[in-house]
Structures are given as C-alpha cells and as structure tokens.
Amino acid sequence: MLRRRRALICAVLIGGCAAAGAQDAKQIVQQAVKTELAADAADHTRWLYYEVDRKADLTVKQWVAQTGRGDLNRVIERNGQPLSQDAQRRQMQAFAYDAAMQAKQRRAGQHDDRQAAEMLNLLPQAFVWKKSGEHDDDTLLQFTPDPHFRPPDYESRVFAAMEGEMAVDKAQRRIVSLKGKLIHDVKFGYGFFGELRAGGTFDVERRELSRGVWQITETHVHIAGRALLFKTISEQEDDEKSKFSELPGNISFDDAEKRLMAQDRLMAQNK
C-alpha cells in the first residue's frame, strides 16, 4: 500500500512538472506574440536595403527604399539580365508618378500585415509548445499541432498542419526565427479545391537592426501541390535582405531615388 502511494505521488509530481513546463513554454509564446504586435504598431522607421528574391520563374536583385507613400525599388537585375541605369530610373519614376500603383502596393502590404497578425495570434492556440533548449541568447521551442484546435480559415488549416521550432530572444521576448514543415497533406474541399503535399517547409529569420527594431532578413518557402482545375500551387521562394541603413521618416521619392542610385558608389568606397 505504501509503495503504491509513493508511486502515485511520484506520478502526480512528474505530471505536474511536465504540465508546468508546457505552460511555461506557452507563456513564452504568448508574451512573444504580444511583444511583436505592440512593437509592430509602434514602429515607424524607414529602411533602405538590398534584396535578392528568387522564385520559381523569376529572380530579382534590387535595392529597396521604404517611404511613407510606398517602397521604391531600384531593380538591378532580373533573371540574370542587368538593367541599365536609365531603365532603373524610368521604372522608379513610373512608380513615383503612378498613384494607382502606389495604392495597390499599400493594399497588398496592409493585407500581408493583417494576415501576419492573424497568424501570430494563432501561434499559442494552434500548437502544443515545449522548450527544447537554449542557444546563445535564445530560448528554443518546439511546436506540434494541437489536436483540439479548430482552424477558422484555409490559411490556418495549412498553419495547423505544421510542426517545427521557434527561437525567442530571452531578453526582449522577440521572435528570432520560425521554422516549420508540413507533416501531412492538406486538402481543401476533399481535395477538389486544392491540396498541399506533406514535406513542404518554411523558414523565417529575423534580426535586430537597431534597439528594439526587428526586421525579417530571410524567408524560405518551399511548398507544392495542386489547386482547382489542376493548376499548380507553387510557393517556391528564397528571399534575402541585407545591407540595411535607416532612412529619415519623412523621406520623399526624389530623395529615396538619389540614395538608391548612390548605393553603387557607397559600396565601392566600402570595399
């Protein structure tokens, strides 16, 4: 009887410790999500950076300058073909004088921001979290789908079919990286409207540019499947951003263009 009682006490203690660990991991995720959303709402910084964006049928190398009216892109190379400086200027000026194009870009950015916020809010709900270790200044967390989660839309159905790992900065509670893999096929309308195949992956890397200001520096998405009418769903993209420099908050298109065109000279001076 005494032996059974001791075993029961040990089981309760072990189970309680495991539950506490899971709760701690979830609390870290909840705090990170809260911090990210608050920081994003408060961040009004503008940045100039170099970007290499590789998709299945298009690779673009460009300098990007963020302004209050939209992002001005100086495309250096498209699918291995360099653009002349005249062509680069013409494209930038065409955007600067096209209010409809600017509005379209803003709408797309707002849609992406809303979707990112929705996905962030789902992180604590959609997964079971546990600590997997530490690396330098980061806490490492593993996630697997929560069987009790009911995805509210198609996007979250894909999200909830992932397992992977997230790194969170211990001091600032900021998300450093998020990596996931589809562990089973995702079918929409029993496969009639679309299907994503297991094995697809995503990897998002972030870093601190200035105190409290974090930006995505790498995005790698490799997901494939098929959609209605047998069209291919292909999210094959590797996007890398580097050489960040902060811009004035009220920078105009004209000043942004001048800074973008000066990057060749500045890079040559720094070699």
Protein backbone atom coordinates (compact mmCIF):
# COMPACT_ATOMS: atom_id res chain seq x y z
CA MET A 1 0.00 0.00 0.00
CA LEU A 2 2.83 2.40 0.95
CA ARG A 3 4.70 1.51 -2.26
CA ARG A 4 1.58 2.24 -4.32
CA ARG A 5 1.07 5.56 -2.53
CA ARG A 6 4.68 6.60 -3.22
CA ALA A 7 4.31 5.66 -6.88
CA LEU A 8 1.11 7.70 -7.11
CA ILE A 9 2.78 10.73 -5.51
CA CYS A 10 5.74 10.46 -7.91
CA ALA A 11 3.39 10.21 -10.88
CA VAL A 12 1.46 13.29 -9.76
CA LEU A 13 4.68 15.25 -9.21
CA ILE A 14 6.13 14.24 -12.60
CA GLY A 15 2.87 15.03 -14.37
CA GLY A 16 2.66 18.38 -12.60
CA CYS A 17 6.22 19.29 -13.62
CA ALA A 18 5.51 18.38 -17.25
CA ALA A 19 2.34 20.46 -17.27
CA ALA A 20 4.21 23.39 -15.72
CA GLY A 21 6.90 23.12 -18.40
CA ALA A 22 4.31 23.15 -21.17
CA GLN A 23 2.58 26.13 -19.56
CA ASP A 24 5.90 27.99 -19.30
CA ALA A 25 6.58 27.38 -23.00
CA LYS A 26 3.11 28.61 -23.97
CA GLN A 27 3.55 31.70 -21.80
CA ILE A 28 6.81 32.50 -23.61
CA VAL A 29 4.98 32.25 -26.95
CA GLN A 30 2.08 34.39 -25.72
CA GLN A 31 4.48 37.06 -24.46
CA ALA A 32 6.47 36.99 -27.71
CA VAL A 33 3.28 37.43 -29.77
CA LYS A 34 2.13 40.31 -27.55
CA THR A 35 5.54 41.98 -27.82
CA GLU A 36 5.69 41.58 -31.61
CA LEU A 37 2.24 43.07 -32.17
CA ALA A 38 2.93 46.04 -29.88
CA ALA A 39 6.35 46.67 -31.44
CA ASP A 40 4.93 46.50 -34.97
CA ALA A 41 2.24 49.07 -34.11
CA ALA A 42 4.84 51.42 -32.62
CA ASP A 43 7.49 51.04 -35.35
CA HIS A 44 7.56 53.94 -37.82
CA THR A 45 11.14 53.53 -39.02
CA ARG A 46 12.08 53.52 -42.73
CA TRP A 47 14.88 51.43 -44.17
CA LEU A 48 16.97 51.06 -47.28
CA TYR A 49 18.22 47.55 -48.02
CA TYR A 50 19.47 45.17 -50.69
CA GLU A 51 17.22 42.26 -51.66
CA VAL A 52 17.65 39.06 -53.65
CA ASP A 53 14.28 37.43 -54.29
CA ARG A 54 14.34 34.03 -56.02
CA LYS A 55 11.06 32.46 -57.16
CA ALA A 56 10.35 29.51 -59.44
CA ASP A 57 10.20 31.64 -62.60
CA LEU A 58 11.74 34.96 -61.55
CA THR A 59 14.87 36.11 -59.75
CA VAL A 60 15.18 39.80 -58.90
CA LYS A 61 18.11 41.66 -57.39
CA GLN A 62 17.23 45.14 -56.21
CA TRP A 63 17.72 47.96 -53.75
CA VAL A 64 14.59 48.96 -51.83
CA ALA A 65 13.85 52.23 -50.02
CA GLN A 66 10.83 52.47 -47.74
CA THR A 67 8.89 55.76 -47.81
CA GLY A 68 5.59 56.97 -46.42
CA ARG A 69 3.99 56.60 -49.86
CA GLY A 70 5.35 53.16 -50.67
CA ASP A 71 8.50 51.15 -51.28
CA LEU A 72 10.66 52.44 -54.13
CA ASN A 73 12.51 49.58 -55.87
CA ARG A 74 15.67 50.01 -57.89
CA VAL A 75 15.81 46.74 -59.86
CA ILE A 76 19.44 45.93 -60.67
CA GLU A 77 18.94 42.58 -62.35
CA ARG A 78 16.03 40.43 -63.50
CA ASN A 79 16.57 36.73 -64.30
CA GLY A 80 20.29 37.30 -64.71
CA GLN A 81 19.85 40.25 -67.08
CA PRO A 82 21.22 43.58 -65.78
CA LEU A 83 19.10 46.70 -66.23
CA SER A 84 20.74 49.91 -67.38
CA GLN A 85 20.67 52.86 -65.01
CA ASP A 86 18.29 54.65 -67.38
CA ALA A 87 15.89 51.70 -67.22
CA GLN A 88 16.21 51.62 -63.43
CA ARG A 89 15.35 55.31 -63.18
CA ARG A 90 12.43 55.01 -65.58
CA GLN A 91 10.88 52.22 -63.50
CA MET A 92 11.30 54.15 -60.25
CA GLN A 93 9.87 57.36 -61.72
CA ALA A 94 6.95 55.46 -63.24
CA PHE A 95 6.06 54.22 -59.75
CA ALA A 96 6.60 57.65 -58.15
CA TYR A 97 4.09 59.26 -60.55
CA ASP A 98 1.50 56.46 -60.51
CA ALA A 99 -0.90 56.91 -57.57
CA ALA A 100 -2.85 53.79 -58.55
CA MET A 101 0.28 51.62 -58.43
CA GLN A 102 1.19 53.05 -55.03
CA ALA A 103 -2.32 52.39 -53.70
CA LYS A 104 -2.17 48.81 -54.99
CA GLN A 105 1.14 48.27 -53.21
CA ARG A 106 -0.26 49.70 -49.97
CA ARG A 107 -3.33 47.46 -50.15
CA ALA A 108 -1.13 44.42 -50.68
CA GLY A 109 1.06 45.45 -47.74
CA GLN A 110 -1.94 46.01 -45.48
CA HIS A 111 -3.34 42.60 -46.44
CA ASP A 112 0.01 40.95 -45.63
CA ASP A 113 0.19 42.81 -42.31
CA ARG A 114 -3.33 41.66 -41.33
CA GLN A 115 -2.55 38.09 -42.31
CA ALA A 116 0.73 38.14 -40.36
CA ALA A 117 -1.07 39.48 -37.27
CA GLU A 118 -3.71 36.76 -37.56
CA MET A 119 -1.07 34.06 -37.84
CA LEU A 120 0.83 35.48 -34.86
CA ASN A 121 -2.32 35.42 -32.75
CA LEU A 122 -2.86 31.78 -33.68
CA LEU A 123 0.59 30.63 -32.55
CA PRO A 124 -0.37 29.99 -28.90
CA GLN A 125 -3.69 28.37 -29.89
CA ALA A 126 -2.78 26.17 -32.85
CA PHE A 127 0.16 24.30 -31.34
CA VAL A 128 1.37 22.38 -28.34
CA TRP A 129 4.62 24.01 -27.22
CA LYS A 130 7.58 22.75 -25.24
CA LYS A 131 11.06 24.03 -24.50
CA SER A 132 13.78 22.19 -26.40
CA GLY A 133 16.84 24.06 -25.13
CA GLU A 134 18.77 27.30 -25.37
CA HIS A 135 21.22 28.72 -27.88
CA ASP A 136 23.25 31.82 -27.03
CA ASP A 137 20.63 34.44 -26.03
CA ASP A 138 17.64 32.50 -27.37
CA THR A 139 15.12 30.08 -25.93
CA LEU A 140 14.32 27.25 -28.35
CA LEU A 141 10.73 25.99 -28.50
CA GLN A 142 9.30 23.04 -30.40
CA PHE A 143 5.72 23.03 -31.65
CA THR A 144 3.34 20.34 -32.86
CA PRO A 145 -0.31 20.70 -33.94
CA ASP A 146 -2.82 20.91 -31.10
CA PRO A 147 -5.47 18.21 -31.81
CA HIS A 148 -8.11 20.39 -30.14
CA PHE A 149 -7.50 23.41 -32.41
CA ARG A 150 -10.22 24.17 -34.98
CA PRO A 151 -8.76 26.28 -37.83
CA PRO A 152 -11.04 29.24 -38.69
CA ASP A 153 -9.96 29.52 -42.37
CA TYR A 154 -7.92 27.92 -45.16
CA GLU A 155 -4.69 29.72 -44.22
CA SER A 156 -4.81 28.49 -40.65
CA ARG A 157 -5.53 24.93 -41.85
CA VAL A 158 -2.12 24.96 -43.53
CA PHE A 159 -0.58 26.60 -40.48
CA ALA A 160 -2.05 23.98 -38.15
CA ALA A 161 -0.61 21.10 -40.20
CA MET A 162 2.94 22.21 -39.37
CA GLU A 163 5.45 21.18 -36.78
CA GLY A 164 8.79 22.84 -36.16
CA GLU A 165 10.84 25.12 -33.97
CA MET A 166 10.83 28.75 -32.90
CA ALA A 167 13.65 30.74 -31.32
CA VAL A 168 12.76 33.61 -28.97
CA ASP A 169 15.20 36.24 -27.70
CA LYS A 170 15.25 35.78 -23.92
CA ALA A 171 15.81 39.43 -23.00
CA GLN A 172 13.44 41.16 -25.41
CA ARG A 173 10.90 38.36 -25.98
CA ARG A 174 11.22 38.83 -29.75
CA ILE A 175 10.86 36.07 -32.34
CA VAL A 176 14.28 35.36 -33.88
CA SER A 177 13.30 32.53 -36.21
CA LEU A 178 10.35 30.32 -37.06
CA LYS A 179 10.78 27.07 -38.99
CA GLY A 180 8.08 24.57 -39.90
CA LYS A 181 7.32 21.53 -42.01
CA LEU A 182 4.02 20.15 -43.31
CA ILE A 183 3.64 16.79 -41.61
CA HIS A 184 0.60 15.66 -43.62
CA ASP A 185 -1.25 16.60 -46.79
CA VAL A 186 -3.73 19.46 -46.52
CA LYS A 187 -6.84 19.10 -48.70
CA PHE A 188 -9.43 21.77 -49.39
CA GLY A 189 -12.92 20.53 -50.23
CA TYR A 190 -11.78 16.88 -50.01
CA GLY A 191 -9.02 17.75 -52.46
CA PHE A 192 -11.32 19.17 -55.13
CA PHE A 193 -10.41 22.81 -54.44
CA GLY A 194 -6.76 22.17 -53.70
CA GLU A 195 -4.14 20.13 -51.91
CA LEU A 196 -0.75 20.82 -50.38
CA ARG A 197 1.59 17.89 -50.04
CA ALA A 198 3.38 16.83 -46.89
CA GLY A 199 7.06 17.73 -46.70
CA GLY A 200 6.68 21.41 -47.60
CA THR A 201 8.77 23.75 -45.46
CA PHE A 202 9.09 27.38 -44.43
CA ASP A 203 11.85 29.23 -42.62
CA VAL A 204 11.70 32.86 -41.46
CA GLU A 205 14.79 34.54 -39.96
CA ARG A 206 14.82 37.92 -38.22
CA ARG A 207 17.41 40.18 -36.63
CA GLU A 208 17.57 43.40 -34.65
CA LEU A 209 18.54 46.37 -36.86
CA SER A 210 18.54 48.98 -34.10
CA ARG A 211 17.50 48.89 -30.46
CA GLY A 212 14.05 47.28 -30.35
CA VAL A 213 13.58 47.33 -34.14
CA TRP A 214 13.49 43.89 -35.75
CA GLN A 215 13.06 43.01 -39.41
CA ILE A 216 12.72 39.80 -41.43
CA THR A 217 16.04 39.22 -43.20
CA GLU A 218 15.40 35.80 -44.75
CA THR A 219 12.30 33.97 -45.94
CA HIS A 220 12.45 30.49 -47.44
CA VAL A 221 9.21 28.83 -48.54
CA HIS A 222 9.08 25.52 -50.40
CA ILE A 223 5.53 24.18 -50.62
CA ALA A 224 3.92 22.44 -53.59
CA GLY A 225 0.57 20.93 -54.52
CA ARG A 226 -2.34 21.43 -56.87
CA ALA A 227 -5.45 23.62 -56.97
CA LEU A 228 -8.79 23.75 -58.72
CA LEU A 229 -8.57 22.84 -62.45
CA PHE A 230 -5.24 21.12 -61.74
CA LYS A 231 -3.24 24.32 -61.65
CA THR A 232 -0.07 24.03 -59.60
CA ILE A 233 0.16 25.62 -56.18
CA SER A 234 3.83 26.51 -56.08
CA GLU A 235 5.30 28.55 -53.30
CA GLN A 236 8.98 28.25 -54.08
CA GLU A 237 10.73 31.36 -52.84
CA ASP A 238 14.02 32.32 -51.24
CA ASP A 239 14.14 35.96 -50.24
CA GLU A 240 17.18 37.52 -48.54
CA LYS A 241 17.59 41.11 -47.34
CA SER A 242 20.88 42.71 -46.27
CA LYS A 243 22.88 45.96 -46.11
CA PHE A 244 20.24 47.80 -44.07
CA SER A 245 20.56 51.53 -43.42
CA GLU A 246 17.96 53.72 -41.72
CA LEU A 247 16.22 56.49 -43.66
CA PRO A 248 14.54 59.71 -42.47
CA GLY A 249 10.92 59.11 -41.55
CA ASN A 250 9.67 61.80 -43.97
CA ILE A 251 11.85 60.85 -46.95
CA SER A 252 10.43 61.74 -50.37
CA PHE A 253 10.51 59.66 -53.54
CA ASP A 254 13.10 62.03 -55.03
CA ASP A 255 15.45 61.68 -52.06
CA ALA A 256 14.87 57.93 -51.93
CA GLU A 257 15.79 57.62 -55.62
CA LYS A 258 19.00 59.61 -55.08
CA ARG A 259 20.00 57.36 -52.18
CA LEU A 260 19.19 54.23 -54.17
CA MET A 261 21.29 55.38 -57.14
CA ALA A 262 24.19 56.24 -54.80
CA GLN A 263 24.50 52.70 -53.48
CA ASP A 264 26.98 51.60 -56.18
CA ARG A 265 29.41 54.36 -55.21
CA LEU A 266 28.96 53.76 -51.49
CA MET A 267 29.51 50.02 -51.85
CA ALA A 268 32.66 50.63 -53.92
CA GLN A 269 34.03 53.00 -51.24
CA ASN A 270 33.44 50.41 -48.51
CA LYS A 271 35.33 47.63 -50.31
